């Protein structure tokens, strides 16, 4: 698998974990409670999708691919820039799948009641 494909996958995984999974909310809440705080300021790069994608892609390119050229850094920047759009696309895919499963379940239920 080439470096660019790997970086795309790293960006998708990072976007899911930071922006969509709820993990960021959970660890921030646990940290806030552990420190006895009423609020917690943002902690980039750990709770910022763009920051996390940027650093995760750079780390992957350097450590796993041994490919930290201008092209790979620019691609990491592009992936980081597109994080918000990627999160929206992943959310739309999820909404579409849920809608399809709901329709199949409704159709199955109607057949079972006939």
Protein backbone atom coordinates (compact mmCIF):
# COMPACT_ATOMS: atom_id res chain seq x y z
CA UNK A 1 0.00 0.00 0.00
CA UNK A 2 1.50 3.34 -0.95
CA UNK A 3 2.14 6.23 1.42
CA UNK A 4 -0.76 8.35 0.16
CA UNK A 5 -3.29 5.55 0.63
CA UNK A 6 -1.98 4.94 4.12
CA UNK A 7 -2.23 8.65 4.98
CA UNK A 8 -5.80 8.74 3.67
CA UNK A 9 -6.69 5.82 5.94
CA UNK A 10 -4.93 7.43 8.92
CA UNK A 11 -6.91 10.63 8.29
CA UNK A 12 -10.20 8.70 8.09
CA UNK A 13 -9.45 6.85 11.34
CA UNK A 14 -8.36 10.02 13.12
CA UNK A 15 -11.43 11.92 11.92
CA UNK A 16 -13.70 9.15 13.13
CA UNK A 17 -12.05 8.91 16.55
CA UNK A 18 -11.72 12.64 17.26
CA UNK A 19 -14.80 14.08 15.56
CA UNK A 20 -17.43 11.34 15.36
CA UNK A 21 -16.98 8.54 17.88
CA UNK A 22 -17.60 10.46 21.09
CA UNK A 23 -14.23 9.38 22.47
CA UNK A 24 -13.03 12.98 22.71
CA UNK A 25 -16.05 13.99 24.78
CA UNK A 26 -15.54 10.97 27.06
CA UNK A 27 -11.85 11.51 27.77
CA UNK A 28 -12.30 15.27 28.23
CA UNK A 29 -15.11 14.66 30.71
CA UNK A 30 -13.05 12.08 32.61
CA UNK A 31 -10.03 14.41 32.70
CA UNK A 32 -12.16 17.35 33.87
CA UNK A 33 -13.64 15.25 36.69
CA UNK A 34 -10.24 13.80 37.67
CA UNK A 35 -8.77 17.28 37.93
CA UNK A 36 -11.83 18.61 39.76
CA UNK A 37 -12.47 21.34 37.19
CA UNK A 38 -15.78 22.81 36.10
CA UNK A 39 -14.52 23.41 32.57
CA UNK A 40 -11.55 22.43 30.49
CA UNK A 41 -9.98 24.59 27.81
CA UNK A 42 -9.38 23.05 24.38
CA UNK A 43 -6.32 20.80 24.26
CA UNK A 44 -5.09 20.68 20.67
CA UNK A 45 -3.98 18.44 19.08
CA UNK A 46 -5.92 15.91 21.15
CA UNK A 47 -9.42 17.32 20.77
CA UNK A 48 -9.07 19.11 17.43
CA UNK A 49 -9.76 16.99 14.35
CA UNK A 50 -7.61 19.14 12.07
CA UNK A 51 -4.68 19.15 14.51
CA UNK A 52 -4.93 15.44 15.27
CA UNK A 53 -5.11 14.56 11.58
CA UNK A 54 -2.12 16.77 10.78
CA UNK A 55 0.10 15.29 13.49
CA UNK A 56 -1.09 11.70 13.02
CA UNK A 57 -0.40 11.88 9.27
CA UNK A 58 3.03 13.41 9.78
CA UNK A 59 3.92 10.83 12.42
CA UNK A 60 2.71 7.98 10.21
CA UNK A 61 4.59 9.29 7.16
CA UNK A 62 7.78 9.59 9.17
CA UNK A 63 7.63 6.53 11.43
CA UNK A 64 5.77 3.94 9.35
CA UNK A 65 6.53 4.98 5.78
CA UNK A 66 9.90 6.70 6.25
CA UNK A 67 8.62 9.22 3.70
CA UNK A 68 8.65 12.78 4.97
CA UNK A 69 9.09 14.60 1.67
CA UNK A 70 7.45 17.87 0.64
CA UNK A 71 4.77 15.93 -1.25
CA UNK A 72 3.75 13.86 1.75
CA UNK A 73 3.72 16.88 4.05
CA UNK A 74 1.54 18.74 1.53
CA UNK A 75 -0.82 15.74 1.30
CA UNK A 76 -1.04 15.63 5.11
CA UNK A 77 -1.89 19.33 5.07
CA UNK A 78 -4.61 18.72 2.46
CA UNK A 79 -6.08 15.87 4.51
CA UNK A 80 -6.02 18.03 7.62
CA UNK A 81 -7.70 20.87 5.74
CA UNK A 82 -10.47 18.51 4.58
CA UNK A 83 -11.19 17.03 8.02
CA UNK A 84 -14.44 18.93 8.56
CA UNK A 85 -15.74 17.87 5.14
CA UNK A 86 -14.62 14.29 5.73
CA UNK A 87 -16.50 14.21 9.04
CA UNK A 88 -19.62 15.47 7.27
CA UNK A 89 -19.26 12.84 4.55
CA UNK A 90 -18.77 10.05 7.09
CA UNK A 91 -21.83 11.29 8.99
CA UNK A 92 -23.89 11.33 5.77
CA UNK A 93 -22.79 7.76 5.00
CA UNK A 94 -23.88 6.69 8.48
CA UNK A 95 -27.24 8.46 8.13
CA UNK A 96 -27.81 6.77 4.76
CA UNK A 97 -26.98 3.33 6.14
CA UNK A 98 -29.30 3.85 9.12
CA UNK A 99 -32.08 4.93 6.76
CA UNK A 100 -31.59 1.84 4.59
CA UNK A 101 -31.59 -0.48 7.61
CA UNK A 102 -34.72 1.20 8.99
CA UNK A 103 -36.54 0.69 5.68
CA UNK A 104 -35.50 -2.95 5.51
CA UNK A 105 -36.61 -3.48 9.13
CA UNK A 106 -39.96 -1.79 8.44
CA UNK A 107 -40.53 -3.91 5.33
CA UNK A 108 -39.61 -7.08 7.21
CA UNK A 109 -41.93 -6.15 10.07
CA UNK A 110 -44.82 -5.47 7.69
CA UNK A 111 -44.33 -8.87 6.02
CA UNK A 112 -44.25 -10.61 9.38
CA UNK A 113 -47.55 -9.04 10.48
CA UNK A 114 -49.42 -10.07 7.29
